[in-house]
Amino acid sequence: MIKSKRLHLPLGFRVRPRALIYFLAISAAVGGFVVCIPLYFYWQDLKDPTPVVPIKALASEQVEEEAAHADEVVGDIGQDNELESVALTLDLILEKHRSAIGLEGAQSILLSGKYVEDGREFEMKLAAKMPTQIRKTLRDPKVEIACIFDGENARVEVTRDEERVTQVLDDVLYQNAMILEGAMMSLGMHLEDTNAQYHRGKDQTYEGRNCWTIVSLIPGTPVMSHLIDPETGLESARYLNLVVDEKPHQVSLHFSDYRAVDSFHFPHVYILKIDGKTRGSATIESVKYNPGLMPWMF
């Protein structure tokens, strides 16, 4: 009688002793690998932990980084300041600016006037509602173009011959230019109301005058720098730096012709520039504060 060399396992299975040894060895090796890898990464984390940055702290760091690079020259803003800096705190500068423009209590604004772009003149209406809703409408006898930012997404509506076409506004530079134009009340916001953050940037020289720099970060919008005239407390220019297709750009607004409107002071002329070149210019004929703008208008 020939005895079988196979081992009998539960459930009726039979296996050769050598095959069982190979199986157990391979199983032990795989199990050890599976266990050791997580232990290795856990040990690495203990050795060199990665800091966890809260969302609010991250936003604050973004403002500080922008402030640190606010004097980088891309277009025609950001020249190094060679004049004597006036030592004032951020709160005092904001207080002086808010007192000068008188925007306390404003929740929305509607501007009407003329806008010239690429040699074409349009009737313009620019509506902005705190904190980040913007609608800029340009109209001439042939076409009406409305660029809209609802706080999250940008779109453009083109109406010609009573036919309207709506599409995503995917021109990054034009998106940021529209947001920059709509930020007329950005420095008048209060932190507890909008979660806006402000940072004191380096003083800069603008058109031969020393200006204070305030960097603002409003949720849903890019980081913006505001140049404040120390004498008047009014905003001389506003700009933002961005990178598109690995190329740096600067979008800027240049304000002039401030006039009193009721209890407010508002610039009645501004020029939009991209990389230092004029893209458009606006002449404001009417300014209305809190005109009753509704969210569905954006």
C-alpha atoms as a PDB file:
ATOM      1  CA  MET A   1       0.000   0.000   0.000  1.00  0.00           C
ATOM      2  CA  ILE A   2       1.499   3.376  -1.076  1.00  0.00           C
ATOM      3  CA  LYS A   3       1.050   6.168   1.432  1.00  0.00           C
ATOM      4  CA  SER A   4       0.155   9.616   0.097  1.00  0.00           C
ATOM      5  CA  LYS A   5       2.764  12.356   0.637  1.00  0.00           C
ATOM      6  CA  ARG A   6       0.073  15.077   0.725  1.00  0.00           C
ATOM      7  CA  LEU A   7      -1.049  16.694   3.944  1.00  0.00           C
ATOM      8  CA  HIS A   8      -4.718  16.663   4.779  1.00  0.00           C
ATOM      9  CA  LEU A   9      -6.199  20.115   5.526  1.00  0.00           C
ATOM     10  CA  PRO A  10      -9.643  20.996   6.897  1.00  0.00           C
ATOM     11  CA  LEU A  11     -12.597  20.947   4.519  1.00  0.00           C
ATOM     12  CA  GLY A  12     -11.048  17.997   2.610  1.00  0.00           C
ATOM     13  CA  PHE A  13      -8.158  19.892   0.959  1.00  0.00           C
ATOM     14  CA  ARG A  14      -4.824  18.108   0.390  1.00  0.00           C
ATOM     15  CA  VAL A  15      -1.500  19.774  -0.348  1.00  0.00           C
ATOM     16  CA  ARG A  16       2.138  18.808  -0.678  1.00  0.00           C
ATOM     17  CA  PRO A  17       4.304  19.761   2.345  1.00  0.00           C
ATOM     18  CA  ARG A  18       6.755  21.739   0.194  1.00  0.00           C
ATOM     19  CA  ALA A  19       3.932  23.739  -1.458  1.00  0.00           C
ATOM     20  CA  LEU A  20       2.496  24.514   1.973  1.00  0.00           C
ATOM     21  CA  ILE A  21       5.852  25.831   3.159  1.00  0.00           C
ATOM     22  CA  TYR A  22       6.177  28.068   0.071  1.00  0.00           C
ATOM     23  CA  PHE A  23       2.652  29.382   0.575  1.00  0.00           C
ATOM     24  CA  LEU A  24       3.240  30.212   4.241  1.00  0.00           C
ATOM     25  CA  ALA A  25       6.558  31.937   3.447  1.00  0.00           C
ATOM     26  CA  ILE A  26       5.051  34.084   0.704  1.00  0.00           C
ATOM     27  CA  SER A  27       2.069  34.972   2.904  1.00  0.00           C
ATOM     28  CA  ALA A  28       4.369  36.043   5.719  1.00  0.00           C
ATOM     29  CA  ALA A  29       6.436  38.243   3.361  1.00  0.00           C
ATOM     30  CA  VAL A  30       3.382  39.951   1.860  1.00  0.00           C
ATOM     31  CA  GLY A  31       1.825  40.483   5.287  1.00  0.00           C
ATOM     32  CA  GLY A  32       5.013  42.006   6.620  1.00  0.00           C
ATOM     33  CA  PHE A  33       5.223  44.372   3.634  1.00  0.00           C
ATOM     34  CA  VAL A  34       1.611  45.509   4.092  1.00  0.00           C
ATOM     35  CA  VAL A  35       2.158  46.180   7.783  1.00  0.00           C
ATOM     36  CA  CYS A  36       5.579  47.815   7.516  1.00  0.00           C
ATOM     37  CA  ILE A  37       4.735  50.387   4.819  1.00  0.00           C
ATOM     38  CA  PRO A  38       2.067  52.267   6.896  1.00  0.00           C
ATOM     39  CA  LEU A  39       4.344  52.066   9.948  1.00  0.00           C
ATOM     40  CA  TYR A  40       7.166  53.621   7.913  1.00  0.00           C
ATOM     41  CA  PHE A  41       5.062  56.586   6.754  1.00  0.00           C
ATOM     42  CA  TYR A  42       3.659  57.040  10.273  1.00  0.00           C
ATOM     43  CA  TRP A  43       7.226  57.169  11.599  1.00  0.00           C
ATOM     44  CA  GLN A  44       8.149  59.724   8.901  1.00  0.00           C
ATOM     45  CA  ASP A  45       5.197  61.931   9.934  1.00  0.00           C
ATOM     46  CA  LEU A  46       6.311  61.802  13.543  1.00  0.00           C
ATOM     47  CA  LYS A  47       9.837  62.615  12.487  1.00  0.00           C
ATOM     48  CA  ASP A  48       8.911  65.534  10.166  1.00  0.00           C
ATOM     49  CA  PRO A  49       5.230  66.472  10.612  1.00  0.00           C
ATOM     50  CA  THR A  50       3.457  68.546   7.934  1.00  0.00           C
ATOM     51  CA  PRO A  51       1.818  71.616   9.489  1.00  0.00           C
ATOM     52  CA  VAL A  52      -1.939  71.930   9.132  1.00  0.00           C
ATOM     53  CA  VAL A  53      -2.862  75.490   8.106  1.00  0.00           C
ATOM     54  CA  PRO A  54      -6.441  76.566   8.888  1.00  0.00           C
ATOM     55  CA  ILE A  55      -8.369  78.199   6.051  1.00  0.00           C
ATOM     56  CA  LYS A  56      -8.387  81.606   7.729  1.00  0.00           C
ATOM     57  CA  ALA A  57      -4.666  81.400   8.426  1.00  0.00           C
ATOM     58  CA  LEU A  58      -4.009  80.441   4.808  1.00  0.00           C
ATOM     59  CA  ALA A  59      -5.985  83.464   3.595  1.00  0.00           C
ATOM     60  CA  SER A  60      -3.992  85.679   5.931  1.00  0.00           C
ATOM     61  CA  GLU A  61      -0.732  84.286   4.572  1.00  0.00           C
ATOM     62  CA  GLN A  62      -1.946  85.024   1.025  1.00  0.00           C
ATOM     63  CA  VAL A  63      -2.523  88.667   1.960  1.00  0.00           C
ATOM     64  CA  GLU A  64       0.897  88.911   3.572  1.00  0.00           C
ATOM     65  CA  GLU A  65       2.566  87.345   0.530  1.00  0.00           C
ATOM     66  CA  GLU A  66       0.810  89.790  -1.807  1.00  0.00           C
ATOM     67  CA  ALA A  67       1.803  92.675   0.441  1.00  0.00           C
ATOM     68  CA  ALA A  68       5.398  91.511   0.360  1.00  0.00           C
ATOM     69  CA  HIS A  69       5.360  91.618  -3.452  1.00  0.00           C
ATOM     70  CA  ALA A  70       3.102  94.654  -3.861  1.00  0.00           C
ATOM     71  CA  ASP A  71       5.975  96.775  -5.157  1.00  0.00           C
ATOM     72  CA  GLU A  72       6.885  94.395  -7.991  1.00  0.00           C
ATOM     73  CA  VAL A  73       6.773  96.319 -11.258  1.00  0.00           C
ATOM     74  CA  VAL A  74       4.720  94.684 -13.987  1.00  0.00           C
ATOM     75  CA  GLY A  75       2.917  97.633 -15.534  1.00  0.00           C
ATOM     76  CA  ASP A  76       3.242 101.247 -14.448  1.00  0.00           C
ATOM     77  CA  ILE A  77       2.473 100.818 -10.749  1.00  0.00           C
ATOM     78  CA  GLY A  78       4.735  99.562  -8.019  1.00  0.00           C
ATOM     79  CA  GLN A  79       7.734 101.867  -8.196  1.00  0.00           C
ATOM     80  CA  ASP A  80       9.970 101.763  -5.128  1.00  0.00           C
ATOM     81  CA  ASN A  81       9.144 104.537  -2.722  1.00  0.00           C
ATOM     82  CA  GLU A  82      11.956 107.080  -2.323  1.00  0.00           C
ATOM     83  CA  LEU A  83       9.969 109.567  -0.275  1.00  0.00           C
ATOM     84  CA  GLU A  84       9.755 109.734   3.477  1.00  0.00           C
ATOM     85  CA  SER A  85       7.205 107.226   4.785  1.00  0.00           C
ATOM     86  CA  VAL A  86       4.564 108.444   7.206  1.00  0.00           C
ATOM     87  CA  ALA A  87       4.300 105.977  10.080  1.00  0.00           C
ATOM     88  CA  LEU A  88       0.601 105.252  10.511  1.00  0.00           C
ATOM     89  CA  THR A  89      -1.162 102.091  11.512  1.00  0.00           C
ATOM     90  CA  LEU A  90      -3.482 100.220   9.157  1.00  0.00           C
ATOM     91  CA  ASP A  91      -6.524 101.188  11.226  1.00  0.00           C
ATOM     92  CA  LEU A  92      -5.694 104.894  11.043  1.00  0.00           C
ATOM     93  CA  ILE A  93      -5.223 104.746   7.263  1.00  0.00           C
ATOM     94  CA  LEU A  94      -8.525 102.914   6.781  1.00  0.00           C
ATOM     95  CA  GLU A  95     -10.265 105.416   9.049  1.00  0.00           C
ATOM     96  CA  LYS A  96      -8.871 108.351   7.075  1.00  0.00           C
ATOM     97  CA  HIS A  97      -9.884 106.781   3.758  1.00  0.00           C
ATOM     98  CA  ARG A  98     -13.394 105.890   4.918  1.00  0.00           C
ATOM     99  CA  SER A  99     -13.870 109.371   6.319  1.00  0.00           C
ATOM    100  CA  ALA A 100     -12.730 110.910   3.012  1.00  0.00           C
ATOM    101  CA  ILE A 101     -15.017 108.873   0.735  1.00  0.00           C
ATOM    102  CA  GLY A 102     -17.962 108.739   3.160  1.00  0.00           C
ATOM    103  CA  LEU A 103     -19.086 105.262   2.111  1.00  0.00           C
ATOM    104  CA  GLU A 104     -20.236 104.214   5.577  1.00  0.00           C
ATOM    105  CA  GLY A 105     -23.457 102.258   5.221  1.00  0.00           C
ATOM    106  CA  ALA A 106     -23.258 101.774   1.443  1.00  0.00           C
ATOM    107  CA  GLN A 107     -24.270  98.257   0.373  1.00  0.00           C
ATOM    108  CA  SER A 108     -24.508  98.785  -3.387  1.00  0.00           C
ATOM    109  CA  ILE A 109     -23.618 101.308  -6.059  1.00  0.00           C
ATOM    110  CA  LEU A 110     -24.750 102.096  -9.617  1.00  0.00           C
ATOM    111  CA  LEU A 111     -22.536 104.096 -11.980  1.00  0.00           C
ATOM    112  CA  SER A 112     -23.695 105.471 -15.324  1.00  0.00           C
ATOM    113  CA  GLY A 113     -21.602 107.187 -17.965  1.00  0.00           C
ATOM    114  CA  LYS A 114     -19.452 106.714 -21.061  1.00  0.00           C
ATOM    115  CA  TYR A 115     -16.898 104.003 -21.640  1.00  0.00           C
ATOM    116  CA  VAL A 116     -14.322 103.946 -24.454  1.00  0.00           C
ATOM    117  CA  GLU A 117     -12.607 100.703 -25.421  1.00  0.00           C
ATOM    118  CA  ASP A 118     -10.608  99.979 -28.572  1.00  0.00           C
ATOM    119  CA  GLY A 119     -11.767 103.292 -30.050  1.00  0.00           C
ATOM    120  CA  ARG A 120     -15.487 102.491 -29.592  1.00  0.00           C
ATOM    121  CA  GLU A 121     -17.685 104.551 -27.277  1.00  0.00           C
ATOM    122  CA  PHE A 122     -20.397 102.851 -25.249  1.00  0.00           C
ATOM    123  CA  GLU A 123     -23.069 103.863 -22.806  1.00  0.00           C
ATOM    124  CA  MET A 124     -21.984 102.211 -19.557  1.00  0.00           C
ATOM    125  CA  LYS A 125     -23.743 101.038 -16.426  1.00  0.00           C
ATOM    126  CA  LEU A 126     -21.663  99.465 -13.670  1.00  0.00           C
ATOM    127  CA  ALA A 127     -23.611  97.925 -10.799  1.00  0.00           C
ATOM    128  CA  ALA A 128     -21.879  96.488  -7.727  1.00  0.00           C
ATOM    129  CA  LYS A 129     -23.431  94.917  -4.647  1.00  0.00           C
ATOM    130  CA  MET A 130     -21.517  93.946  -1.532  1.00  0.00           C
ATOM    131  CA  PRO A 131     -19.552  91.889  -1.202  1.00  0.00           C
ATOM    132  CA  THR A 132     -18.730  90.518  -4.677  1.00  0.00           C
ATOM    133  CA  GLN A 133     -21.606  90.847  -7.161  1.00  0.00           C
ATOM    134  CA  ILE A 134     -20.846  92.924 -10.268  1.00  0.00           C
ATOM    135  CA  ARG A 135     -22.611  93.704 -13.543  1.00  0.00           C
ATOM    136  CA  LYS A 136     -20.974  95.882 -16.208  1.00  0.00           C
ATOM    137  CA  THR A 137     -23.145  96.700 -19.217  1.00  0.00           C
ATOM    138  CA  LEU A 138     -21.838  98.390 -22.379  1.00  0.00           C
ATOM    139  CA  ARG A 139     -24.300  99.485 -25.051  1.00  0.00           C
ATOM    140  CA  ASP A 140     -24.068 101.158 -28.455  1.00  0.00           C
ATOM    141  CA  PRO A 141     -26.616 101.301 -31.323  1.00  0.00           C
ATOM    142  CA  LYS A 142     -25.546  97.865 -32.595  1.00  0.00           C
ATOM    143  CA  VAL A 143     -24.938  95.702 -29.532  1.00  0.00           C
ATOM    144  CA  GLU A 144     -25.327  95.369 -25.775  1.00  0.00           C
ATOM    145  CA  ILE A 145     -22.633  93.504 -23.833  1.00  0.00           C
ATOM    146  CA  ALA A 146     -23.161  92.610 -20.165  1.00  0.00           C
ATOM    147  CA  CYS A 147     -20.290  91.098 -18.172  1.00  0.00           C
ATOM    148  CA  ILE A 148     -21.548  89.599 -14.917  1.00  0.00           C
ATOM    149  CA  PHE A 149     -19.860  88.187 -11.824  1.00  0.00           C
ATOM    150  CA  ASP A 150     -22.252  86.589  -9.335  1.00  0.00           C
ATOM    151  CA  GLY A 151     -19.654  86.102  -6.629  1.00  0.00           C
ATOM    152  CA  GLU A 152     -18.489  82.720  -7.923  1.00  0.00           C
ATOM    153  CA  ASN A 153     -18.692  82.597 -11.717  1.00  0.00           C
ATOM    154  CA  ALA A 154     -18.314  85.104 -14.547  1.00  0.00           C
ATOM    155  CA  ARG A 155     -20.400  85.154 -17.727  1.00  0.00           C
ATOM    156  CA  VAL A 156     -21.060  87.464 -20.650  1.00  0.00           C
ATOM    157  CA  GLU A 157     -24.449  88.185 -22.265  1.00  0.00           C
ATOM    158  CA  VAL A 158     -24.415  89.644 -25.783  1.00  0.00           C
ATOM    159  CA  THR A 159     -27.659  91.041 -27.209  1.00  0.00           C
ATOM    160  CA  ARG A 160     -27.853  91.918 -30.898  1.00  0.00           C
ATOM    161  CA  ASP A 161     -31.015  92.379 -32.985  1.00  0.00           C
ATOM    162  CA  GLU A 162     -33.127  91.277 -29.990  1.00  0.00           C
ATOM    163  CA  GLU A 163     -31.256  87.954 -29.833  1.00  0.00           C
ATOM    164  CA  ARG A 164     -29.299  87.208 -26.646  1.00  0.00           C
ATOM    165  CA  VAL A 165     -26.368  84.819 -26.375  1.00  0.00           C
ATOM    166  CA  THR A 166     -24.945  83.855 -22.970  1.00  0.00           C
ATOM    167  CA  GLN A 167     -21.594  82.192 -22.466  1.00  0.00           C
ATOM    168  CA  VAL A 168     -18.893  81.753 -19.840  1.00  0.00           C
ATOM    169  CA  LEU A 169     -16.486  84.675 -19.561  1.00  0.00           C
ATOM    170  CA  ASP A 170     -13.240  82.728 -19.836  1.00  0.00           C
ATOM    171  CA  ASP A 171     -10.881  85.644 -20.533  1.00  0.00           C
ATOM    172  CA  VAL A 172      -8.979  85.669 -17.224  1.00  0.00           C
ATOM    173  CA  LEU A 173      -7.620  89.192 -17.663  1.00  0.00           C
ATOM    174  CA  TYR A 174     -11.035  90.620 -18.479  1.00  0.00           C
ATOM    175  CA  GLN A 175     -12.598  88.740 -15.548  1.00  0.00           C
ATOM    176  CA  ASN A 176     -10.121  90.322 -13.157  1.00  0.00           C
ATOM    177  CA  ALA A 177     -10.513  93.737 -14.771  1.00  0.00           C
ATOM    178  CA  MET A 178     -14.286  93.591 -14.189  1.00  0.00           C
ATOM    179  CA  ILE A 179     -13.822  92.532 -10.560  1.00  0.00           C
ATOM    180  CA  LEU A 180     -11.299  95.339 -10.073  1.00  0.00           C
ATOM    181  CA  GLU A 181     -13.781  97.876 -11.465  1.00  0.00           C
ATOM    182  CA  GLY A 182     -16.545  96.555  -9.227  1.00  0.00           C
ATOM    183  CA  ALA A 183     -14.457  96.839  -6.043  1.00  0.00           C
ATOM    184  CA  MET A 184     -15.499 100.459  -5.456  1.00  0.00           C
ATOM    185  CA  MET A 185     -16.615  99.723  -1.884  1.00  0.00           C
ATOM    186  CA  SER A 186     -13.926  97.191  -0.995  1.00  0.00           C
ATOM    187  CA  LEU A 187     -12.113  99.350   1.565  1.00  0.00           C
ATOM    188  CA  GLY A 188     -15.366 100.453   3.167  1.00  0.00           C
ATOM    189  CA  MET A 189     -16.233  96.920   4.286  1.00  0.00           C
ATOM    190  CA  HIS A 190     -15.996  95.827   7.888  1.00  0.00           C
ATOM    191  CA  LEU A 191     -14.278  92.593   8.825  1.00  0.00           C
ATOM    192  CA  GLU A 192     -17.158  91.277  10.913  1.00  0.00           C
ATOM    193  CA  ASP A 193     -19.630  91.840   8.056  1.00  0.00           C
ATOM    194  CA  THR A 194     -17.809  90.336   5.081  1.00  0.00           C
ATOM    195  CA  ASN A 195     -14.760  88.419   6.373  1.00  0.00           C
ATOM    196  CA  ALA A 196     -12.629  90.856   4.390  1.00  0.00           C
ATOM    197  CA  GLN A 197      -9.010  91.101   5.451  1.00  0.00           C
ATOM    198  CA  TYR A 198      -6.663  94.071   5.087  1.00  0.00           C
ATOM    199  CA  HIS A 199      -2.901  94.331   5.323  1.00  0.00           C
ATOM    200  CA  ARG A 200      -0.537  97.303   5.280  1.00  0.00           C
ATOM    201  CA  GLY A 201       1.763  97.070   2.276  1.00  0.00           C
ATOM    202  CA  LYS A 202       4.938  98.998   1.493  1.00  0.00           C
ATOM    203  CA  ASP A 203       4.558 102.695   0.738  1.00  0.00           C
ATOM    204  CA  GLN A 204       4.886 103.394  -2.978  1.00  0.00           C
ATOM    205  CA  THR A 205       5.446 106.303  -5.322  1.00  0.00           C
ATOM    206  CA  TYR A 206       2.625 106.969  -7.759  1.00  0.00           C
ATOM    207  CA  GLU A 207       2.904 109.831 -10.259  1.00  0.00           C
ATOM    208  CA  GLY A 208       5.570 111.434  -8.096  1.00  0.00           C
ATOM    209  CA  ARG A 209       3.554 111.272  -4.868  1.00  0.00           C
ATOM    210  CA  ASN A 210       4.071 109.108  -1.832  1.00  0.00           C
ATOM    211  CA  CYS A 211       1.122 106.760  -1.325  1.00  0.00           C
ATOM    212  CA  TRP A 212       0.113 104.340   1.383  1.00  0.00           C
ATOM    213  CA  THR A 213      -0.616 100.790   0.209  1.00  0.00           C
ATOM    214  CA  ILE A 214      -3.447  98.690   1.577  1.00  0.00           C
ATOM    215  CA  VAL A 215      -3.772  95.090   0.412  1.00  0.00           C
ATOM    216  CA  SER A 216      -7.292  93.667   0.560  1.00  0.00           C
ATOM    217  CA  LEU A 217      -8.507  90.101   0.443  1.00  0.00           C
ATOM    218  CA  ILE A 218     -12.255  89.702   0.058  1.00  0.00           C
ATOM    219  CA  PRO A 219     -13.551  86.117  -0.167  1.00  0.00           C
ATOM    220  CA  GLY A 220     -14.351  85.232  -3.768  1.00  0.00           C
ATOM    221  CA  THR A 221     -12.119  87.913  -5.324  1.00  0.00           C
ATOM    222  CA  PRO A 222      -8.407  88.189  -6.134  1.00  0.00           C
ATOM    223  CA  VAL A 223      -5.990  89.967  -3.822  1.00  0.00           C
ATOM    224  CA  MET A 224      -5.991  93.701  -4.630  1.00  0.00           C
ATOM    225  CA  SER A 225      -3.635  96.552  -3.719  1.00  0.00           C
ATOM    226  CA  HIS A 226      -4.958 100.080  -3.125  1.00  0.00           C
ATOM    227  CA  LEU A 227      -2.797 103.210  -3.274  1.00  0.00           C
ATOM    228  CA  ILE A 228      -4.107 105.869  -0.882  1.00  0.00           C
ATOM    229  CA  ASP A 229      -3.114 109.540  -1.124  1.00  0.00           C
ATOM    230  CA  PRO A 230      -1.900 110.566   2.377  1.00  0.00           C
ATOM    231  CA  GLU A 231      -3.048 114.162   1.911  1.00  0.00           C
ATOM    232  CA  THR A 232      -6.637 113.518   0.839  1.00  0.00           C
ATOM    233  CA  GLY A 233      -7.198 109.944   2.005  1.00  0.00           C
ATOM    234  CA  LEU A 234      -8.652 109.125  -1.433  1.00  0.00           C
ATOM    235  CA  GLU A 235      -7.730 106.145  -3.593  1.00  0.00           C
ATOM    236  CA  SER A 236      -5.330 107.096  -6.400  1.00  0.00           C
ATOM    237  CA  ALA A 237      -5.051 103.653  -8.004  1.00  0.00           C
ATOM    238  CA  ARG A 238      -6.021 100.033  -7.505  1.00  0.00           C
ATOM    239  CA  TYR A 239      -4.291  97.024  -9.027  1.00  0.00           C
ATOM    240  CA  LEU A 240      -3.758  93.282  -8.897  1.00  0.00           C
ATOM    241  CA  ASN A 241      -0.988  91.016 -10.117  1.00  0.00           C
ATOM    242  CA  LEU A 242      -1.714  87.610 -11.633  1.00  0.00           C
ATOM    243  CA  VAL A 243      -0.125  84.913 -13.764  1.00  0.00           C
ATOM    244  CA  VAL A 244      -1.801  83.643 -16.935  1.00  0.00           C
ATOM    245  CA  ASP A 245      -0.168  80.845 -18.922  1.00  0.00           C
ATOM    246  CA  GLU A 246       2.996  81.240 -16.811  1.00  0.00           C
ATOM    247  CA  LYS A 247       3.260  84.916 -17.761  1.00  0.00           C
ATOM    248  CA  PRO A 248       2.925  87.691 -15.131  1.00  0.00           C
ATOM    249  CA  HIS A 249       0.355  90.433 -15.705  1.00  0.00           C
ATOM    250  CA  GLN A 250      -0.880  93.495 -13.891  1.00  0.00           C
ATOM    251  CA  VAL A 251      -4.409  94.896 -14.165  1.00  0.00           C
ATOM    252  CA  SER A 252      -4.823  98.421 -12.791  1.00  0.00           C
ATOM    253  CA  LEU A 253      -7.332 101.248 -12.393  1.00  0.00           C
ATOM    254  CA  HIS A 254      -6.267 104.902 -12.195  1.00  0.00           C
ATOM    255  CA  PHE A 255      -8.698 107.377 -10.596  1.00  0.00           C
ATOM    256  CA  SER A 256      -9.097 111.128 -11.012  1.00  0.00           C
ATOM    257  CA  ASP A 257     -11.655 113.963 -10.923  1.00  0.00           C
ATOM    258  CA  TYR A 258     -13.069 113.238  -7.468  1.00  0.00           C
ATOM    259  CA  ARG A 259     -16.348 115.053  -6.850  1.00  0.00           C
ATOM    260  CA  ALA A 260     -18.795 115.260  -3.976  1.00  0.00           C
ATOM    261  CA  VAL A 261     -22.010 113.290  -4.529  1.00  0.00           C
ATOM    262  CA  ASP A 262     -24.361 113.927  -1.624  1.00  0.00           C
ATOM    263  CA  SER A 263     -22.167 112.977   1.341  1.00  0.00           C
ATOM    264  CA  PHE A 264     -19.816 110.810  -0.725  1.00  0.00           C
ATOM    265  CA  HIS A 265     -16.669 111.556  -2.733  1.00  0.00           C
ATOM    266  CA  PHE A 266     -16.295 109.554  -5.895  1.00  0.00           C
ATOM    267  CA  PRO A 267     -13.867 109.536  -8.879  1.00  0.00           C
ATOM    268  CA  HIS A 268     -15.645 110.591 -12.068  1.00  0.00           C
ATOM    269  CA  VAL A 269     -12.863 109.430 -14.375  1.00  0.00           C
ATOM    270  CA  TYR A 270     -10.931 106.181 -14.292  1.00  0.00           C
ATOM    271  CA  ILE A 271      -8.608 104.437 -16.732  1.00  0.00           C
ATOM    272  CA  LEU A 272      -8.231 100.675 -16.997  1.00  0.00           C
ATOM    273  CA  LYS A 273      -4.757  99.412 -17.903  1.00  0.00           C
ATOM    274  CA  ILE A 274      -3.375  95.956 -18.521  1.00  0.00           C
ATOM    275  CA  ASP A 275       0.405  95.657 -18.241  1.00  0.00           C
ATOM    276  CA  GLY A 276       0.653  99.446 -18.334  1.00  0.00           C
ATOM    277  CA  LYS A 277      -1.288  99.836 -21.580  1.00  0.00           C
ATOM    278  CA  THR A 278      -4.695 101.535 -21.624  1.00  0.00           C
ATOM    279  CA  ARG A 279      -7.513  99.060 -22.238  1.00  0.00           C
ATOM    280  CA  GLY A 280     -10.471 101.335 -21.544  1.00  0.00           C
ATOM    281  CA  SER A 281     -11.510 104.610 -19.926  1.00  0.00           C
ATOM    282  CA  ALA A 282     -14.695 105.633 -18.145  1.00  0.00           C
ATOM    283  CA  THR A 283     -16.298 109.024 -17.577  1.00  0.00           C
ATOM    284  CA  ILE A 284     -18.914 108.825 -14.838  1.00  0.00           C
ATOM    285  CA  GLU A 285     -22.007 111.001 -15.213  1.00  0.00           C
ATOM    286  CA  SER A 286     -24.203 109.595 -12.434  1.00  0.00           C
ATOM    287  CA  VAL A 287     -23.494 107.874  -9.116  1.00  0.00           C
ATOM    288  CA  LYS A 288     -26.237 106.248  -7.043  1.00  0.00           C
ATOM    289  CA  TYR A 289     -25.643 104.625  -3.678  1.00  0.00           C
ATOM    290  CA  ASN A 290     -27.924 101.868  -2.370  1.00  0.00           C
ATOM    291  CA  PRO A 291     -30.176 101.989  -5.481  1.00  0.00           C
ATOM    292  CA  GLY A 292     -32.009  98.799  -4.483  1.00  0.00           C
ATOM    293  CA  LEU A 293     -30.010  96.218  -6.452  1.00  0.00           C
ATOM    294  CA  MET A 294     -31.308  92.655  -6.042  1.00  0.00           C
ATOM    295  CA  PRO A 295     -29.250  89.425  -6.170  1.00  0.00           C
ATOM    296  CA  TRP A 296     -31.170  88.147  -9.220  1.00  0.00           C
ATOM    297  CA  MET A 297     -29.806  91.083 -11.239  1.00  0.00           C
ATOM    298  CA  PHE A 298     -26.368  89.470 -11.227  1.00  0.00           C
END
